[in-house]
């Protein structure tokens, strides 16, 4: 995990079990922009069971209805789903739209 903190861009994909994955995804999202921006995928490679795509932060029920929720991670999870379904062009379009949206946001506290 120290390598993830010191040099997060060195990692593209991390494969692990669910418990360690939960810990690593929280750490990785914190050092790369926050859990509100991080998508995740739990992929069943055998196809025996469904794969799951969701934001790292889950459904964030603690902020539901407050106007604070940011759908970016959920939208980026859709890009992971599209990659999984072998639709890379559609996944790229989703990522481009998110990048365009992020570019319009303020870069720090006002």
N, C-alpha and C. Protein backbone atom coordinates (compact mmCIF):
# COMPACT_ATOMS: atom_id res chain seq x y z
N UNK A 1 0.80 -1.21 0.00
CA UNK A 1 0.00 0.00 0.00
C UNK A 1 0.84 1.27 0.00
N UNK A 2 2.07 1.21 0.49
CA UNK A 2 2.91 2.41 0.47
C UNK A 2 3.22 2.83 -0.95
N UNK A 3 3.39 1.88 -1.85
CA UNK A 3 3.63 2.21 -3.26
C UNK A 3 2.41 2.92 -3.85
N UNK A 4 1.24 2.53 -3.42
CA UNK A 4 0.01 3.17 -3.90
C UNK A 4 -0.07 4.62 -3.44
N UNK A 5 0.37 4.89 -2.24
CA UNK A 5 0.37 6.25 -1.72
C UNK A 5 1.44 7.10 -2.40
N UNK A 6 2.61 6.55 -2.57
CA UNK A 6 3.73 7.30 -3.13
C UNK A 6 3.64 7.49 -4.64
N UNK A 7 3.11 6.51 -5.34
CA UNK A 7 3.13 6.55 -6.80
C UNK A 7 1.86 5.91 -7.37
N UNK A 8 0.68 6.51 -7.12
CA UNK A 8 -0.57 5.86 -7.52
C UNK A 8 -0.72 5.66 -9.03
N UNK A 9 -0.11 6.52 -9.84
CA UNK A 9 -0.27 6.39 -11.29
C UNK A 9 0.42 5.16 -11.85
N UNK A 10 1.23 4.51 -11.05
CA UNK A 10 1.91 3.30 -11.51
C UNK A 10 0.94 2.11 -11.63
N UNK A 11 -0.22 2.22 -11.01
CA UNK A 11 -1.20 1.13 -11.01
C UNK A 11 -2.32 1.42 -11.98
N UNK A 12 -2.63 0.44 -12.81
CA UNK A 12 -3.77 0.55 -13.71
C UNK A 12 -4.91 -0.30 -13.19
N UNK A 13 -4.60 -1.54 -12.83
CA UNK A 13 -5.59 -2.48 -12.30
C UNK A 13 -4.97 -3.19 -11.11
N UNK A 14 -5.78 -3.38 -10.08
CA UNK A 14 -5.34 -4.16 -8.92
C UNK A 14 -6.35 -5.28 -8.74
N UNK A 15 -5.86 -6.50 -8.69
CA UNK A 15 -6.73 -7.67 -8.51
C UNK A 15 -6.49 -8.23 -7.12
N UNK A 16 -7.57 -8.37 -6.35
CA UNK A 16 -7.46 -8.87 -4.99
C UNK A 16 -8.81 -9.42 -4.54
N UNK A 17 -8.85 -9.94 -3.32
CA UNK A 17 -10.14 -10.40 -2.81
C UNK A 17 -10.95 -9.21 -2.29
N UNK A 18 -12.19 -9.46 -1.90
CA UNK A 18 -13.12 -8.38 -1.59
C UNK A 18 -12.70 -7.54 -0.39
N UNK A 19 -12.29 -8.15 0.70
CA UNK A 19 -11.93 -7.38 1.90
C UNK A 19 -10.74 -6.46 1.64
N UNK A 20 -9.68 -7.02 1.11
CA UNK A 20 -8.50 -6.20 0.81
C UNK A 20 -8.85 -5.19 -0.28
N UNK A 21 -9.67 -5.58 -1.21
CA UNK A 21 -10.10 -4.66 -2.27
C UNK A 21 -10.82 -3.45 -1.71
N UNK A 22 -11.68 -3.65 -0.72
CA UNK A 22 -12.37 -2.53 -0.09
C UNK A 22 -11.38 -1.55 0.54
N UNK A 23 -10.39 -2.09 1.21
CA UNK A 23 -9.38 -1.24 1.85
C UNK A 23 -8.56 -0.49 0.80
N UNK A 24 -8.11 -1.21 -0.21
CA UNK A 24 -7.27 -0.59 -1.24
C UNK A 24 -8.04 0.44 -2.06
N UNK A 25 -9.29 0.17 -2.38
CA UNK A 25 -10.05 1.14 -3.16
C UNK A 25 -10.28 2.42 -2.37
N UNK A 26 -10.53 2.32 -1.08
CA UNK A 26 -10.68 3.53 -0.27
C UNK A 26 -9.38 4.32 -0.26
N UNK A 27 -8.26 3.63 -0.07
CA UNK A 27 -6.96 4.30 -0.06
C UNK A 27 -6.67 4.92 -1.42
N UNK A 28 -6.85 4.15 -2.47
CA UNK A 28 -6.53 4.65 -3.81
C UNK A 28 -7.40 5.84 -4.18
N UNK A 29 -8.66 5.79 -3.85
CA UNK A 29 -9.52 6.91 -4.20
C UNK A 29 -9.17 8.15 -3.38
N UNK A 30 -8.75 7.98 -2.14
CA UNK A 30 -8.38 9.13 -1.32
C UNK A 30 -7.15 9.84 -1.86
N UNK A 31 -6.18 9.09 -2.36
CA UNK A 31 -4.95 9.73 -2.86
C UNK A 31 -5.06 10.20 -4.30
N UNK A 32 -6.14 9.87 -4.98
CA UNK A 32 -6.27 10.28 -6.38
C UNK A 32 -7.46 11.20 -6.63
N UNK A 33 -8.07 11.74 -5.60
CA UNK A 33 -9.14 12.70 -5.84
C UNK A 33 -10.35 12.55 -4.94
N UNK A 34 -10.49 11.45 -4.24
CA UNK A 34 -11.61 11.27 -3.33
C UNK A 34 -12.55 10.17 -3.76
N UNK A 35 -13.24 9.60 -2.77
CA UNK A 35 -14.14 8.49 -3.07
C UNK A 35 -15.32 8.90 -3.93
N UNK A 36 -15.64 10.18 -3.97
CA UNK A 36 -16.75 10.65 -4.80
C UNK A 36 -16.49 10.56 -6.28
N UNK A 37 -15.24 10.33 -6.67
CA UNK A 37 -14.90 10.28 -8.09
C UNK A 37 -14.48 8.89 -8.55
N UNK A 38 -14.41 7.93 -7.65
CA UNK A 38 -13.81 6.63 -7.97
C UNK A 38 -14.85 5.56 -8.31
N UNK A 39 -14.76 5.01 -9.54
CA UNK A 39 -15.63 3.89 -9.90
C UNK A 39 -15.02 2.57 -9.44
N UNK A 40 -15.81 1.53 -9.40
CA UNK A 40 -15.26 0.20 -9.10
C UNK A 40 -16.00 -0.87 -9.87
N UNK A 41 -15.32 -2.00 -10.02
CA UNK A 41 -15.91 -3.15 -10.71
C UNK A 41 -15.52 -4.42 -9.97
N UNK A 42 -16.48 -5.24 -9.69
CA UNK A 42 -16.25 -6.58 -9.15
C UNK A 42 -16.62 -7.54 -10.27
N UNK A 43 -15.60 -8.08 -10.91
CA UNK A 43 -15.82 -8.85 -12.13
C UNK A 43 -15.73 -10.35 -11.86
N UNK A 44 -16.77 -11.06 -12.24
CA UNK A 44 -16.78 -12.50 -12.17
C UNK A 44 -16.28 -13.00 -13.52
N UNK A 45 -15.02 -13.40 -13.56
CA UNK A 45 -14.39 -13.76 -14.83
C UNK A 45 -14.96 -15.02 -15.45
N UNK A 46 -15.56 -15.89 -14.63
CA UNK A 46 -16.11 -17.12 -15.19
C UNK A 46 -17.45 -16.89 -15.89
N UNK A 47 -18.10 -15.79 -15.55
CA UNK A 47 -19.42 -15.53 -16.11
C UNK A 47 -20.51 -16.32 -15.42
N UNK A 48 -20.13 -17.11 -14.40
CA UNK A 48 -21.11 -17.91 -13.67
C UNK A 48 -22.07 -17.03 -12.88
N UNK A 49 -21.57 -15.91 -12.39
CA UNK A 49 -22.37 -14.97 -11.61
C UNK A 49 -22.24 -13.59 -12.23
N UNK A 50 -23.16 -12.71 -11.94
CA UNK A 50 -23.07 -11.36 -12.51
C UNK A 50 -21.86 -10.59 -11.97
N UNK A 51 -21.34 -9.71 -12.76
CA UNK A 51 -20.34 -8.76 -12.31
C UNK A 51 -21.09 -7.54 -11.79
N UNK A 52 -20.41 -6.75 -10.93
CA UNK A 52 -21.08 -5.60 -10.32
C UNK A 52 -20.23 -4.35 -10.53
N UNK A 53 -20.87 -3.26 -10.89
CA UNK A 53 -20.20 -2.00 -11.16
C UNK A 53 -20.88 -0.93 -10.32
N UNK A 54 -20.11 -0.24 -9.49
CA UNK A 54 -20.69 0.77 -8.61
C UNK A 54 -19.61 1.75 -8.17
N UNK A 55 -20.02 2.91 -7.65
CA UNK A 55 -19.04 3.83 -7.10
C UNK A 55 -18.34 3.20 -5.89
N UNK A 56 -17.09 3.57 -5.66
CA UNK A 56 -16.38 3.07 -4.49
C UNK A 56 -17.16 3.41 -3.22
N UNK A 57 -17.78 4.58 -3.20
CA UNK A 57 -18.49 5.02 -1.99
C UNK A 57 -19.84 4.35 -1.80
N UNK A 58 -20.26 3.51 -2.72
CA UNK A 58 -21.57 2.87 -2.59
C UNK A 58 -22.67 3.88 -2.88
N UNK A 59 -23.79 3.75 -2.20
CA UNK A 59 -24.94 4.61 -2.48
C UNK A 59 -24.94 5.90 -1.68
N UNK A 60 -24.05 6.05 -0.70
CA UNK A 60 -23.91 7.27 0.11
C UNK A 60 -25.24 7.74 0.71
N UNK A 61 -25.94 6.85 1.42
CA UNK A 61 -27.24 7.24 1.97
C UNK A 61 -27.16 8.39 2.98
N UNK A 62 -25.99 8.62 3.55
CA UNK A 62 -25.85 9.69 4.53
C UNK A 62 -25.99 11.08 3.92
N UNK A 63 -25.83 11.20 2.60
CA UNK A 63 -26.00 12.52 1.98
C UNK A 63 -27.18 12.56 1.01
N UNK A 64 -27.97 11.50 0.98
CA UNK A 64 -29.13 11.46 0.09
C UNK A 64 -30.07 12.62 0.41
N UNK A 65 -30.51 13.31 -0.63
CA UNK A 65 -31.47 14.39 -0.48
C UNK A 65 -30.88 15.70 0.00
N UNK A 66 -29.57 15.78 0.13
CA UNK A 66 -28.94 17.02 0.64
C UNK A 66 -28.43 17.93 -0.47
N UNK A 67 -28.43 17.44 -1.71
CA UNK A 67 -27.89 18.23 -2.80
C UNK A 67 -26.38 18.17 -2.88
N UNK A 68 -25.75 17.30 -2.10
CA UNK A 68 -24.29 17.17 -2.09
C UNK A 68 -23.78 16.03 -2.96
N UNK A 69 -24.66 15.14 -3.35
CA UNK A 69 -24.23 13.95 -4.08
C UNK A 69 -23.64 14.33 -5.44
N UNK A 70 -22.60 13.62 -5.84
CA UNK A 70 -21.94 13.83 -7.12
C UNK A 70 -22.01 12.49 -7.86
N UNK A 71 -22.66 12.45 -9.01
CA UNK A 71 -22.84 11.18 -9.72
C UNK A 71 -21.62 10.73 -10.51
N UNK A 72 -20.50 11.45 -10.42
CA UNK A 72 -19.33 11.14 -11.26
C UNK A 72 -18.89 9.70 -11.12
N UNK A 73 -18.75 9.20 -9.90
CA UNK A 73 -18.28 7.82 -9.71
C UNK A 73 -19.26 6.81 -10.30
N UNK A 74 -20.55 7.07 -10.16
CA UNK A 74 -21.54 6.16 -10.74
C UNK A 74 -21.45 6.16 -12.26
N UNK A 75 -21.26 7.34 -12.84
CA UNK A 75 -21.15 7.45 -14.29
C UNK A 75 -19.88 6.75 -14.79
N UNK A 76 -18.77 6.94 -14.06
CA UNK A 76 -17.54 6.26 -14.45
C UNK A 76 -17.65 4.74 -14.28
N UNK A 77 -18.49 4.29 -13.35
CA UNK A 77 -18.72 2.85 -13.21
C UNK A 77 -19.41 2.30 -14.45
N UNK A 78 -20.24 3.13 -15.08
CA UNK A 78 -20.87 2.73 -16.34
C UNK A 78 -19.80 2.52 -17.42
N UNK A 79 -18.77 3.35 -17.42
CA UNK A 79 -17.68 3.16 -18.39
C UNK A 79 -16.99 1.82 -18.16
N UNK A 80 -16.79 1.44 -16.90
CA UNK A 80 -16.20 0.13 -16.61
C UNK A 80 -17.10 -0.99 -17.11
N UNK A 81 -18.41 -0.84 -16.92
CA UNK A 81 -19.37 -1.83 -17.42
C UNK A 81 -19.29 -1.94 -18.94
N UNK A 82 -19.23 -0.81 -19.61
CA UNK A 82 -19.13 -0.83 -21.07
C UNK A 82 -17.84 -1.49 -21.53
N UNK A 83 -16.73 -1.23 -20.84
CA UNK A 83 -15.49 -1.94 -21.16
C UNK A 83 -15.68 -3.44 -21.01
N UNK A 84 -16.33 -3.84 -19.92
CA UNK A 84 -16.57 -5.27 -19.64
C UNK A 84 -17.43 -5.90 -20.74
N UNK A 85 -18.34 -5.13 -21.28
CA UNK A 85 -19.23 -5.63 -22.34
C UNK A 85 -18.60 -5.50 -23.73
N UNK A 86 -17.30 -5.19 -23.75
CA UNK A 86 -16.54 -5.05 -24.99
C UNK A 86 -17.11 -3.94 -25.88
N UNK A 87 -17.41 -2.80 -25.25
CA UNK A 87 -17.88 -1.62 -25.96
C UNK A 87 -16.95 -0.44 -25.64
N UNK A 88 -15.67 -0.56 -26.02
CA UNK A 88 -14.68 0.46 -25.63
C UNK A 88 -14.97 1.86 -26.18
N UNK A 89 -15.57 1.95 -27.36
CA UNK A 89 -15.87 3.27 -27.91
C UNK A 89 -16.90 3.99 -27.05
N UNK A 90 -17.92 3.26 -26.61
CA UNK A 90 -18.94 3.86 -25.74
C UNK A 90 -18.35 4.23 -24.39
N UNK A 91 -17.48 3.36 -23.86
CA UNK A 91 -16.82 3.66 -22.59
C UNK A 91 -15.98 4.93 -22.71
N UNK A 92 -15.29 5.08 -23.83
CA UNK A 92 -14.47 6.28 -24.06
C UNK A 92 -15.34 7.52 -24.12
N UNK A 93 -16.51 7.42 -24.74
CA UNK A 93 -17.42 8.58 -24.80
C UNK A 93 -17.87 8.98 -23.41
N UNK A 94 -18.16 8.01 -22.55
CA UNK A 94 -18.55 8.32 -21.17
C UNK A 94 -17.40 9.03 -20.45
N UNK A 95 -16.20 8.48 -20.58
CA UNK A 95 -15.03 9.10 -19.92
C UNK A 95 -14.77 10.51 -20.44
N UNK A 96 -14.92 10.71 -21.73
CA UNK A 96 -14.73 12.05 -22.30
C UNK A 96 -15.75 13.03 -21.75
N UNK A 97 -16.99 12.59 -21.61
CA UNK A 97 -18.03 13.46 -21.05
C UNK A 97 -17.70 13.82 -19.60
N UNK A 98 -17.23 12.85 -18.82
CA UNK A 98 -16.85 13.13 -17.44
C UNK A 98 -15.67 14.09 -17.39
N UNK A 99 -14.69 13.88 -18.25
CA UNK A 99 -13.53 14.78 -18.30
C UNK A 99 -13.97 16.21 -18.65
N UNK A 100 -14.87 16.34 -19.59
CA UNK A 100 -15.38 17.66 -19.97
C UNK A 100 -16.10 18.32 -18.79
N UNK A 101 -16.90 17.53 -18.09
CA UNK A 101 -17.60 18.07 -16.92
C UNK A 101 -16.61 18.49 -15.83
N UNK A 102 -15.63 17.63 -15.57
CA UNK A 102 -14.64 17.96 -14.53
C UNK A 102 -13.86 19.22 -14.88
N UNK A 103 -13.62 19.46 -16.15
CA UNK A 103 -12.88 20.65 -16.58
C UNK A 103 -13.64 21.93 -16.30
N UNK A 104 -14.95 21.83 -16.17
CA UNK A 104 -15.76 23.03 -15.90
C UNK A 104 -15.85 23.36 -14.41
N UNK A 105 -15.37 22.47 -13.58
CA UNK A 105 -15.49 22.66 -12.13
C UNK A 105 -14.36 23.52 -11.59
N UNK A 106 -14.62 24.15 -10.47
CA UNK A 106 -13.58 24.94 -9.80
C UNK A 106 -12.45 24.00 -9.36
N UNK A 107 -11.23 24.50 -9.38
CA UNK A 107 -10.08 23.65 -9.05
C UNK A 107 -9.79 23.59 -7.56
N UNK A 108 -10.51 24.27 -6.75
CA UNK A 108 -10.26 24.24 -5.31
C UNK A 108 -11.33 24.99 -4.56
N UNK A 109 -11.17 25.12 -3.25
CA UNK A 109 -12.17 25.83 -2.44
C UNK A 109 -12.29 27.29 -2.86
N UNK A 110 -13.49 27.79 -2.83
CA UNK A 110 -13.73 29.19 -3.22
C UNK A 110 -13.36 30.14 -2.10
